[in-house]
C-alpha atoms as a PDB file:
ATOM      1  CA  MET A   1       0.000   0.000   0.000  1.00  0.00           C
ATOM      2  CA  SER A   2       2.782   2.430   0.871  1.00  0.00           C
ATOM      3  CA  LEU A   3       4.565   1.791  -2.425  1.00  0.00           C
ATOM      4  CA  ILE A   4       1.349   2.360  -4.344  1.00  0.00           C
ATOM      5  CA  LEU A   5       0.410   5.559  -2.490  1.00  0.00           C
ATOM      6  CA  ASP A   6       3.935   6.909  -3.054  1.00  0.00           C
ATOM      7  CA  THR A   7       3.474   6.668  -6.844  1.00  0.00           C
ATOM      8  CA  PHE A   8       0.930   9.516  -6.818  1.00  0.00           C
ATOM      9  CA  PRO A   9       3.033  12.707  -7.134  1.00  0.00           C
ATOM     10  CA  TYR A  10       0.166  15.111  -6.368  1.00  0.00           C
ATOM     11  CA  ARG A  11      -3.153  14.931  -4.536  1.00  0.00           C
ATOM     12  CA  THR A  12      -4.932  15.342  -7.868  1.00  0.00           C
ATOM     13  CA  SER A  13      -2.902  12.848  -9.921  1.00  0.00           C
ATOM     14  CA  TYR A  14      -4.563  10.138 -12.008  1.00  0.00           C
ATOM     15  CA  LEU A  15      -2.629   6.949 -12.784  1.00  0.00           C
ATOM     16  CA  THR A  16      -3.470   3.805 -14.741  1.00  0.00           C
ATOM     17  CA  LEU A  17      -2.884   0.300 -13.432  1.00  0.00           C
ATOM     18  CA  ASP A  18       0.136   0.018 -15.744  1.00  0.00           C
ATOM     19  CA  ASP A  19       1.518   3.332 -14.427  1.00  0.00           C
ATOM     20  CA  VAL A  20       1.402   2.034 -10.859  1.00  0.00           C
ATOM     21  CA  ALA A  21       2.867  -1.374 -11.756  1.00  0.00           C
ATOM     22  CA  ARG A  22       5.718   0.270 -13.653  1.00  0.00           C
ATOM     23  CA  SER A  23       6.513   2.720 -10.841  1.00  0.00           C
ATOM     24  CA  THR A  24       6.370   0.155  -8.032  1.00  0.00           C
ATOM     25  CA  ARG A  25       8.028  -2.647 -10.062  1.00  0.00           C
ATOM     26  CA  LEU A  26       5.451  -5.028  -8.649  1.00  0.00           C
ATOM     27  CA  PRO A  27       3.690  -7.673 -10.750  1.00  0.00           C
ATOM     28  CA  ARG A  28       0.640  -6.257 -12.501  1.00  0.00           C
ATOM     29  CA  SER A  29      -1.621  -8.913 -10.987  1.00  0.00           C
ATOM     30  CA  THR A  30      -0.383  -8.052  -7.492  1.00  0.00           C
ATOM     31  CA  VAL A  31      -0.961  -4.340  -8.049  1.00  0.00           C
ATOM     32  CA  HIS A  32      -4.449  -5.045  -9.400  1.00  0.00           C
ATOM     33  CA  ARG A  33      -5.388  -7.098  -6.342  1.00  0.00           C
ATOM     34  CA  ILE A  34      -4.054  -4.528  -3.847  1.00  0.00           C
ATOM     35  CA  ILE A  35      -5.602  -1.575  -5.671  1.00  0.00           C
ATOM     36  CA  ASP A  36      -9.016  -3.264  -5.688  1.00  0.00           C
ATOM     37  CA  GLN A  37      -8.757  -3.635  -1.926  1.00  0.00           C
ATOM     38  CA  MET A  38      -7.632  -0.007  -1.526  1.00  0.00           C
ATOM     39  CA  VAL A  39     -10.618   1.201  -3.581  1.00  0.00           C
ATOM     40  CA  ARG A  40     -13.002  -0.785  -1.378  1.00  0.00           C
ATOM     41  CA  VAL A  41     -11.649   0.826   1.797  1.00  0.00           C
ATOM     42  CA  ARG A  42     -11.503   4.317   0.162  1.00  0.00           C
ATOM     43  CA  TRP A  43      -7.723   4.790   0.093  1.00  0.00           C
ATOM     44  CA  LEU A  44      -8.047   5.098  -3.707  1.00  0.00           C
ATOM     45  CA  ASP A  45     -10.817   6.083  -6.138  1.00  0.00           C
ATOM     46  CA  ARG A  46     -11.443   4.523  -9.544  1.00  0.00           C
ATOM     47  CA  THR A  47     -12.444   7.078 -12.215  1.00  0.00           C
ATOM     48  CA  SER A  48     -12.641   7.285 -15.994  1.00  0.00           C
ATOM     49  CA  LEU A  49      -9.187   8.929 -15.974  1.00  0.00           C
ATOM     50  CA  GLY A  50      -7.620   6.132 -13.918  1.00  0.00           C
ATOM     51  CA  TYR A  51      -6.966   5.753 -10.216  1.00  0.00           C
ATOM     52  CA  SER A  52      -6.693   8.719  -7.870  1.00  0.00           C
ATOM     53  CA  LEU A  53      -6.175   9.193  -4.154  1.00  0.00           C
ATOM     54  CA  GLY A  54      -9.343   8.458  -2.217  1.00  0.00           C
ATOM     55  CA  PRO A  55     -10.980  10.246   0.727  1.00  0.00           C
ATOM     56  CA  ARG A  56      -8.894   8.475   3.378  1.00  0.00           C
ATOM     57  CA  ALA A  57      -5.604   9.267   1.641  1.00  0.00           C
ATOM     58  CA  LEU A  58      -6.615  12.862   0.949  1.00  0.00           C
ATOM     59  CA  GLN A  59      -7.479  13.426   4.580  1.00  0.00           C
ATOM     60  CA  VAL A  60      -3.853  12.698   5.452  1.00  0.00           C
ATOM     61  CA  GLY A  61      -1.800  15.822   4.771  1.00  0.00           C
ATOM     62  CA  ARG A  62      -4.776  17.913   3.679  1.00  0.00           C
ATOM     63  CA  ASN A  63      -3.664  20.862   5.785  1.00  0.00           C
ATOM     64  CA  ASP A  64      -0.116  20.666   4.423  1.00  0.00           C
ATOM     65  CA  ASP A  65      -1.396  20.810   0.829  1.00  0.00           C
ATOM     66  CA  ALA A  66      -3.713  23.715   1.598  1.00  0.00           C
ATOM     67  CA  ASP A  67      -0.912  25.587   3.346  1.00  0.00           C
ATOM     68  CA  ALA A  68       1.405  25.074   0.354  1.00  0.00           C
ATOM     69  CA  LEU A  69      -1.253  26.364  -2.030  1.00  0.00           C
ATOM     70  CA  ARG A  70      -2.000  29.384   0.170  1.00  0.00           C
ATOM     71  CA  SER A  71       1.703  30.175   0.499  1.00  0.00           C
ATOM     72  CA  ALA A  72       2.291  30.076  -3.257  1.00  0.00           C
ATOM     73  CA  ALA A  73      -0.820  32.135  -4.026  1.00  0.00           C
ATOM     74  CA  ALA A  74      -0.676  34.762  -1.245  1.00  0.00           C
ATOM     75  CA  PRO A  75       1.530  37.398  -2.944  1.00  0.00           C
ATOM     76  CA  LEU A  76      -0.447  37.119  -6.177  1.00  0.00           C
ATOM     77  CA  LEU A  77      -3.785  37.414  -4.370  1.00  0.00           C
ATOM     78  CA  HIS A  78      -2.533  40.547  -2.642  1.00  0.00           C
ATOM     79  CA  ALA A  79      -1.324  42.026  -5.928  1.00  0.00           C
ATOM     80  CA  LEU A  80      -4.705  41.323  -7.558  1.00  0.00           C
ATOM     81  CA  MET A  81      -6.530  42.990  -4.692  1.00  0.00           C
ATOM     82  CA  LEU A  82      -4.375  46.127  -4.869  1.00  0.00           C
ATOM     83  CA  ARG A  83      -4.605  46.384  -8.646  1.00  0.00           C
ATOM     84  CA  THR A  84      -8.360  45.873  -8.985  1.00  0.00           C
ATOM     85  CA  GLY A  85      -9.861  46.907  -5.636  1.00  0.00           C
ATOM     86  CA  MET A  86     -12.017  43.790  -5.797  1.00  0.00           C
ATOM     87  CA  THR A  87     -12.354  40.871  -3.380  1.00  0.00           C
ATOM     88  CA  VAL A  88     -10.006  37.978  -4.135  1.00  0.00           C
ATOM     89  CA  HIS A  89     -10.656  34.345  -3.256  1.00  0.00           C
ATOM     90  CA  LEU A  90      -8.551  31.192  -3.291  1.00  0.00           C
ATOM     91  CA  ALA A  91     -10.461  27.911  -3.201  1.00  0.00           C
ATOM     92  CA  THR A  92     -10.204  24.183  -3.791  1.00  0.00           C
ATOM     93  CA  LEU A  93     -12.739  21.698  -5.119  1.00  0.00           C
ATOM     94  CA  ASP A  94     -14.268  19.419  -2.475  1.00  0.00           C
ATOM     95  CA  ARG A  95     -16.491  16.983  -4.354  1.00  0.00           C
ATOM     96  CA  GLY A  96     -19.410  19.169  -5.543  1.00  0.00           C
ATOM     97  CA  GLN A  97     -18.432  22.193  -3.444  1.00  0.00           C
ATOM     98  CA  VAL A  98     -15.729  24.841  -3.470  1.00  0.00           C
ATOM     99  CA  ARG A  99     -13.948  25.363  -0.161  1.00  0.00           C
ATOM    100  CA  PHE A 100     -12.524  28.825   0.491  1.00  0.00           C
ATOM    101  CA  LEU A 101      -8.862  28.786   1.566  1.00  0.00           C
ATOM    102  CA  ASP A 102      -8.233  32.535   1.519  1.00  0.00           C
ATOM    103  CA  LYS A 103     -10.052  35.833   1.074  1.00  0.00           C
ATOM    104  CA  MET A 104      -8.631  39.330   0.638  1.00  0.00           C
ATOM    105  CA  GLY A 105     -10.284  42.672   0.010  1.00  0.00           C
ATOM    106  CA  GLY A 106     -10.135  44.943   3.015  1.00  0.00           C
ATOM    107  CA  HIS A 107     -13.402  46.712   3.858  1.00  0.00           C
ATOM    108  CA  VAL A 108     -14.800  45.768   0.421  1.00  0.00           C
ATOM    109  CA  ALA A 109     -14.676  42.075   1.370  1.00  0.00           C
ATOM    110  CA  ARG A 110     -17.233  42.602   4.142  1.00  0.00           C
ATOM    111  CA  SER A 111     -19.984  42.961   1.545  1.00  0.00           C
ATOM    112  CA  VAL A 112     -19.138  39.559   0.031  1.00  0.00           C
ATOM    113  CA  PRO A 113     -20.894  36.715   1.928  1.00  0.00           C
ATOM    114  CA  SER A 114     -18.011  34.255   1.975  1.00  0.00           C
ATOM    115  CA  ARG A 115     -15.543  33.198   4.639  1.00  0.00           C
ATOM    116  CA  VAL A 116     -12.401  31.117   4.863  1.00  0.00           C
ATOM    117  CA  GLY A 117     -13.232  27.488   5.599  1.00  0.00           C
ATOM    118  CA  ALA A 118     -16.804  27.752   4.306  1.00  0.00           C
ATOM    119  CA  THR A 119     -18.127  26.095   1.150  1.00  0.00           C
ATOM    120  CA  ALA A 120     -20.317  27.079  -1.791  1.00  0.00           C
ATOM    121  CA  PRO A 121     -21.889  25.001  -4.580  1.00  0.00           C
ATOM    122  CA  ALA A 122     -19.393  24.503  -7.393  1.00  0.00           C
ATOM    123  CA  HIS A 123     -22.003  24.710 -10.175  1.00  0.00           C
ATOM    124  CA  ALA A 124     -23.120  28.182  -8.998  1.00  0.00           C
ATOM    125  CA  THR A 125     -19.699  29.841  -8.683  1.00  0.00           C
ATOM    126  CA  ALA A 126     -17.014  30.965 -11.101  1.00  0.00           C
ATOM    127  CA  LEU A 127     -14.462  29.232  -8.872  1.00  0.00           C
ATOM    128  CA  GLY A 128     -16.306  25.945  -9.184  1.00  0.00           C
ATOM    129  CA  LYS A 129     -16.842  26.184 -12.928  1.00  0.00           C
ATOM    130  CA  ALA A 130     -13.173  27.100 -13.457  1.00  0.00           C
ATOM    131  CA  MET A 131     -12.162  23.820 -11.794  1.00  0.00           C
ATOM    132  CA  LEU A 132     -14.962  21.575 -13.067  1.00  0.00           C
ATOM    133  CA  ALA A 133     -14.085  22.549 -16.644  1.00  0.00           C
ATOM    134  CA  TRP A 134     -10.884  20.478 -16.460  1.00  0.00           C
ATOM    135  CA  LEU A 135     -12.527  17.274 -15.236  1.00  0.00           C
ATOM    136  CA  THR A 136     -14.095  14.621 -17.442  1.00  0.00           C
ATOM    137  CA  PRO A 137     -17.848  14.947 -18.060  1.00  0.00           C
ATOM    138  CA  GLU A 138     -18.355  11.738 -16.082  1.00  0.00           C
ATOM    139  CA  ASP A 139     -16.471  13.128 -13.094  1.00  0.00           C
ATOM    140  CA  VAL A 140     -18.446  16.384 -13.265  1.00  0.00           C
ATOM    141  CA  ASP A 141     -21.721  14.447 -13.285  1.00  0.00           C
ATOM    142  CA  LYS A 142     -20.602  12.385 -10.314  1.00  0.00           C
ATOM    143  CA  ARG A 143     -19.608  15.456  -8.307  1.00  0.00           C
ATOM    144  CA  VAL A 144     -22.705  17.570  -8.901  1.00  0.00           C
ATOM    145  CA  GLU A 145     -25.254  14.756  -8.880  1.00  0.00           C
ATOM    146  CA  GLY A 146     -27.979  15.684  -6.413  1.00  0.00           C
ATOM    147  CA  ALA A 147     -26.182  18.955  -5.573  1.00  0.00           C
ATOM    148  CA  MET A 148     -27.487  21.226  -8.341  1.00  0.00           C
ATOM    149  CA  ILE A 149     -29.840  23.182  -6.125  1.00  0.00           C
ATOM    150  CA  ARG A 150     -31.069  26.673  -6.966  1.00  0.00           C
ATOM    151  CA  SER A 151     -29.497  29.484  -4.913  1.00  0.00           C
ATOM    152  CA  THR A 152     -30.902  32.361  -6.987  1.00  0.00           C
ATOM    153  CA  ALA A 153     -33.089  32.797 -10.052  1.00  0.00           C
ATOM    154  CA  SER A 154     -29.898  32.728 -12.162  1.00  0.00           C
ATOM    155  CA  THR A 155     -28.473  29.466 -10.781  1.00  0.00           C
ATOM    156  CA  ILE A 156     -27.852  26.766 -13.375  1.00  0.00           C
ATOM    157  CA  ILE A 157     -29.711  23.601 -12.360  1.00  0.00           C
ATOM    158  CA  ASP A 158     -29.614  21.765 -15.709  1.00  0.00           C
ATOM    159  CA  ILE A 159     -26.589  19.486 -16.169  1.00  0.00           C
ATOM    160  CA  ASN A 160     -26.524  19.962 -19.955  1.00  0.00           C
ATOM    161  CA  GLN A 161     -26.440  23.730 -19.575  1.00  0.00           C
ATOM    162  CA  LEU A 162     -23.621  23.365 -17.062  1.00  0.00           C
ATOM    163  CA  HIS A 163     -21.602  21.268 -19.505  1.00  0.00           C
ATOM    164  CA  LYS A 164     -22.098  23.940 -22.184  1.00  0.00           C
ATOM    165  CA  GLN A 165     -20.726  26.568 -19.799  1.00  0.00           C
ATOM    166  CA  LEU A 166     -17.754  24.357 -18.907  1.00  0.00           C
ATOM    167  CA  SER A 167     -17.010  23.952 -22.609  1.00  0.00           C
ATOM    168  CA  ALA A 168     -17.085  27.750 -22.937  1.00  0.00           C
ATOM    169  CA  VAL A 169     -14.622  28.021 -20.030  1.00  0.00           C
ATOM    170  CA  ARG A 170     -12.183  25.762 -21.875  1.00  0.00           C
ATOM    171  CA  GLY A 171     -12.770  27.749 -25.065  1.00  0.00           C
ATOM    172  CA  ARG A 172     -11.702  30.920 -23.237  1.00  0.00           C
ATOM    173  CA  GLY A 173      -8.487  29.266 -22.074  1.00  0.00           C
ATOM    174  CA  GLY A 174      -9.779  28.644 -18.559  1.00  0.00           C
ATOM    175  CA  VAL A 175     -11.693  31.828 -17.654  1.00  0.00           C
ATOM    176  CA  ALA A 176     -15.041  31.300 -15.901  1.00  0.00           C
ATOM    177  CA  PHE A 177     -17.791  33.805 -15.093  1.00  0.00           C
ATOM    178  CA  ALA A 178     -20.778  33.844 -12.753  1.00  0.00           C
ATOM    179  CA  ARG A 179     -23.247  36.694 -12.305  1.00  0.00           C
ATOM    180  CA  GLY A 180     -25.817  36.398  -9.543  1.00  0.00           C
ATOM    181  CA  GLU A 181     -25.752  32.600  -9.581  1.00  0.00           C
ATOM    182  CA  CYS A 182     -24.755  31.990  -5.967  1.00  0.00           C
ATOM    183  CA  PHE A 183     -25.751  35.383  -4.527  1.00  0.00           C
ATOM    184  CA  ASP A 184     -27.970  37.904  -6.328  1.00  0.00           C
ATOM    185  CA  ASP A 185     -25.689  40.904  -5.841  1.00  0.00           C
ATOM    186  CA  ILE A 186     -22.371  39.239  -6.654  1.00  0.00           C
ATOM    187  CA  ALA A 187     -20.452  38.805  -9.928  1.00  0.00           C
ATOM    188  CA  CYS A 188     -17.139  36.997 -10.244  1.00  0.00           C
ATOM    189  CA  THR A 189     -14.553  35.654 -12.652  1.00  0.00           C
ATOM    190  CA  ALA A 190     -12.113  32.834 -11.912  1.00  0.00           C
ATOM    191  CA  ALA A 191      -9.383  30.637 -13.324  1.00  0.00           C
ATOM    192  CA  ALA A 192      -8.059  27.288 -12.144  1.00  0.00           C
ATOM    193  CA  ILE A 193      -4.594  26.512 -10.842  1.00  0.00           C
ATOM    194  CA  ARG A 194      -3.748  23.315 -12.710  1.00  0.00           C
ATOM    195  CA  THR A 195      -1.175  20.559 -12.441  1.00  0.00           C
ATOM    196  CA  PRO A 196       1.074  19.786 -15.445  1.00  0.00           C
ATOM    197  CA  ARG A 197      -1.578  17.221 -16.467  1.00  0.00           C
ATOM    198  CA  ASP A 198      -4.307  19.909 -16.399  1.00  0.00           C
ATOM    199  CA  THR A 199      -5.953  18.538 -13.254  1.00  0.00           C
ATOM    200  CA  PRO A 200      -7.420  21.405 -11.180  1.00  0.00           C
ATOM    201  CA  LEU A 201      -5.534  21.963  -7.937  1.00  0.00           C
ATOM    202  CA  GLY A 202      -7.410  25.108  -6.894  1.00  0.00           C
ATOM    203  CA  ALA A 203      -8.766  28.351  -8.328  1.00  0.00           C
ATOM    204  CA  ILE A 204      -8.491  32.121  -7.930  1.00  0.00           C
ATOM    205  CA  SER A 205     -11.395  34.533  -8.358  1.00  0.00           C
ATOM    206  CA  LEU A 206     -12.133  38.252  -8.403  1.00  0.00           C
ATOM    207  CA  THR A 207     -15.519  39.226  -6.991  1.00  0.00           C
ATOM    208  CA  GLY A 208     -17.404  42.495  -7.296  1.00  0.00           C
ATOM    209  CA  LYS A 209     -20.791  44.103  -7.849  1.00  0.00           C
ATOM    210  CA  PRO A 210     -23.232  42.755 -10.474  1.00  0.00           C
ATOM    211  CA  ASP A 211     -22.179  45.419 -12.993  1.00  0.00           C
ATOM    212  CA  ALA A 212     -18.435  44.768 -12.554  1.00  0.00           C
ATOM    213  CA  GLN A 213     -16.463  44.766 -15.810  1.00  0.00           C
ATOM    214  CA  LEU A 214     -15.323  41.181 -15.408  1.00  0.00           C
ATOM    215  CA  GLU A 215     -14.048  40.795 -18.966  1.00  0.00           C
ATOM    216  CA  GLN A 216     -11.454  43.503 -18.290  1.00  0.00           C
ATOM    217  CA  VAL A 217     -10.009  41.860 -15.183  1.00  0.00           C
ATOM    218  CA  ALA A 218     -10.340  38.221 -16.311  1.00  0.00           C
ATOM    219  CA  PRO A 219      -6.866  38.155 -17.949  1.00  0.00           C
ATOM    220  CA  LEU A 220      -5.370  39.223 -14.604  1.00  0.00           C
ATOM    221  CA  VAL A 221      -6.993  36.270 -12.829  1.00  0.00           C
ATOM    222  CA  LEU A 222      -5.838  33.853 -15.515  1.00  0.00           C
ATOM    223  CA  GLY A 223      -2.296  35.226 -15.330  1.00  0.00           C
ATOM    224  CA  ALA A 224      -2.224  34.907 -11.544  1.00  0.00           C
ATOM    225  CA  ALA A 225      -3.430  31.296 -11.697  1.00  0.00           C
ATOM    226  CA  ARG A 226      -0.686  30.454 -14.184  1.00  0.00           C
ATOM    227  CA  GLN A 227       1.936  32.094 -11.980  1.00  0.00           C
ATOM    228  CA  VAL A 228       0.816  30.031  -8.979  1.00  0.00           C
ATOM    229  CA  THR A 229       1.060  26.899 -11.107  1.00  0.00           C
ATOM    230  CA  ALA A 230       4.605  27.887 -12.097  1.00  0.00           C
ATOM    231  CA  ALA A 231       5.552  28.578  -8.477  1.00  0.00           C
ATOM    232  CA  ILE A 232       4.265  25.183  -7.318  1.00  0.00           C
ATOM    233  CA  PHE A 233       5.534  23.021 -10.159  1.00  0.00           C
ATOM    234  CA  HIS A 234       8.686  25.006 -11.043  1.00  0.00           C
ATOM    235  CA  SER A 235       7.652  25.527 -14.643  1.00  0.00           C
ATOM    236  CA  SER A 236       7.039  28.605 -16.702  1.00  0.00           C
END
């Protein structure tokens, strides 16, 4: 089990059975038997992309991963806040929810109903859509199944409409928008922080009033997300 868990370089990595067998140098049949047992006890998950770390494995070291992400993103979040005067969020994807890791914005942030440690529905937020866009359609369906509740009159509650929006996010290079979908008087734009294999590790957003010119600040969010990726994975 330890050898197999050690083959996953990141919390969001996906590996095939052959990947694990090659990395551990264990017989493929042995790896298959152990992995099946690990899936049953939730140390690993089986998805359409391959195997990934399961809930029990992710619980171990969760705080360390969040701290590393916050540390890499902090200076860029601060720079975004100063440049735009808007509220900045850093979040991760927790099944069908986004979990806020950081929030900056001075007195402006008080008008935004979010707090560090809280969650919000992924399908109703720019943060969530920015991360969901880089998952397989099957994984998206699994995450939002039963969770697509209406928060406002503008909330998307149709899975096909959500998939169309996620396709548009990819078409814009990773920029997501949400206007009044989670809260009536809030508009936001976000971009995902992705691993070298394009798996979403987290996301950054800028939040403002409903009439905020999001298209003008969206490139700044996308640039910040890419810089965090470079800082974490030492690439440019």
